[in-house]
Protein backbone atom coordinates (compact mmCIF):
# COMPACT_ATOMS: atom_id res chain seq x y z
CA MET A 1 145.80 142.22 278.74
CA THR A 2 149.04 143.37 276.48
CA ALA A 3 148.71 145.09 273.41
CA PRO A 4 149.74 143.46 270.26
CA THR A 5 153.27 143.81 269.09
CA PRO A 6 153.75 146.15 266.43
CA PRO A 7 155.23 145.65 263.11
CA SER A 8 158.73 145.79 262.48
CA ILE A 9 159.79 148.59 259.94
CA GLN A 10 161.00 145.28 257.37
CA THR A 11 157.69 143.70 257.99
CA LEU A 12 155.88 147.04 256.56
CA ILE A 13 158.50 146.89 253.59
CA ASP A 14 157.71 143.33 253.02
CA THR A 15 154.01 144.07 252.82
CA TYR A 16 153.91 147.06 251.08
CA ALA A 17 156.74 147.62 249.08
CA LYS A 18 155.59 146.11 246.06
CA ASP A 19 152.16 148.52 245.71
CA VAL A 20 154.12 151.34 246.63
CA ALA A 21 156.67 151.09 244.25
CA PHE A 22 154.20 150.50 241.63
CA ALA A 23 152.39 153.99 242.25
CA ALA A 24 156.17 155.66 242.54
CA ASP A 25 157.31 153.79 239.28
CA GLU A 26 160.49 152.38 241.02
CA GLU A 27 161.69 148.95 242.00
CA PRO A 28 160.58 147.63 245.26
CA ALA A 29 162.25 149.61 248.28
CA THR A 30 164.58 147.15 250.44
CA THR A 31 165.55 150.03 253.02
CA ALA A 32 163.44 152.04 254.99
CA SER A 33 164.71 155.29 253.68
CA GLU A 34 163.96 154.27 250.33
CA PHE A 35 160.54 152.95 251.39
CA ILE A 36 160.03 156.27 253.20
CA ASP A 37 161.35 158.19 249.89
CA GLN A 38 158.91 155.93 247.86
CA LEU A 39 155.45 156.57 249.94
CA THR A 40 155.90 160.11 249.57
CA THR A 41 156.29 159.66 245.87
CA ALA A 42 153.74 157.54 245.64
CA ALA A 43 151.46 159.88 247.50
CA ILE A 44 152.11 162.55 244.55
CA ASN A 45 151.39 160.46 241.82
CA LEU A 46 148.12 158.88 243.31
CA ASP A 47 147.20 162.59 244.57
CA HIS A 48 147.97 163.96 240.83
CA ALA A 49 145.65 160.61 239.41
CA GLY A 50 142.93 162.15 241.64
CA ILE A 51 142.72 159.36 244.23
CA ASN A 52 141.51 160.06 247.57
CA GLY A 53 143.35 159.09 250.63
CA THR A 54 146.56 159.64 249.49
CA GLU A 55 147.74 161.66 252.71
CA ASN A 56 147.83 158.10 254.65
CA LEU A 57 150.78 157.32 253.09
CA ASP A 58 152.30 160.92 253.52
CA ASN A 59 151.54 160.37 257.46
CA ALA A 60 152.74 156.57 257.15
CA ALA A 61 156.10 158.33 255.78
CA VAL A 62 156.15 160.56 258.84
CA TYR A 63 155.38 158.07 261.42
CA LEU A 64 158.10 155.84 259.96
CA THR A 65 160.59 158.58 259.76
CA ASP A 66 159.85 159.24 263.47
CA ALA A 67 160.37 155.81 264.38
CA LEU A 68 163.70 155.68 262.66
CA ASN A 69 165.31 158.78 264.54
CA SER A 70 163.59 157.58 268.23
CA THR A 71 165.80 156.21 270.58
CA ASP A 72 162.99 155.36 272.98
CA ARG A 73 161.65 151.79 272.30
CA ASP A 74 158.39 152.60 273.58
CA GLU A 75 157.74 155.02 270.96
CA VAL A 76 159.30 153.36 268.44
CA LYS A 77 156.64 150.85 269.44
CA ILE A 78 153.55 153.59 269.32
CA LEU A 79 154.73 155.24 265.61
CA LEU A 80 155.15 152.05 264.02
CA THR A 81 151.94 150.79 265.19
CA ARG A 82 150.46 154.47 263.65
CA ALA A 83 152.44 153.93 260.74
CA SER A 84 150.90 150.34 260.21
CA ARG A 85 147.26 151.79 260.29
CA TYR A 86 147.79 154.36 257.83
CA LEU A 87 149.18 151.83 255.49
CA GLN A 88 146.28 149.35 255.68
CA SER A 89 144.53 151.28 253.00
CA THR A 90 147.80 151.42 250.43
CA THR A 91 146.82 148.15 248.22
CA ASP A 92 143.03 149.36 247.82
CA LEU A 93 144.57 152.96 246.72
CA VAL A 94 147.17 151.51 244.29
CA ASP A 95 144.68 148.93 242.85
CA GLU A 96 142.59 151.96 241.68
CA TYR A 97 145.62 153.51 240.30
CA ARG A 98 146.24 150.56 238.40
CA LEU A 99 142.77 150.36 236.87
CA MET A 100 143.24 154.15 235.78
CA LEU A 101 146.22 152.99 233.89
């Protein structure tokens, strides 16, 4: 049995950019670098609002940064899979933030 194909960075951006941008108070990211920066800003904003779980966004940003900098295809797959797992709670975190505003 083969492991599922990890999402691409672009797929993660397409999936989460709007929510992350809302929490970062910016326009949705279109590049990986913008997305990573917005993840960090969103984590700070959500943490200041008292929302638990914001470290998931920080962790995702670290894994995405590492994936961008890696030249090892197998390592990139692992890093993208880990980033994807940490991003799974993004919509819930941002929905909680929306309710506070």
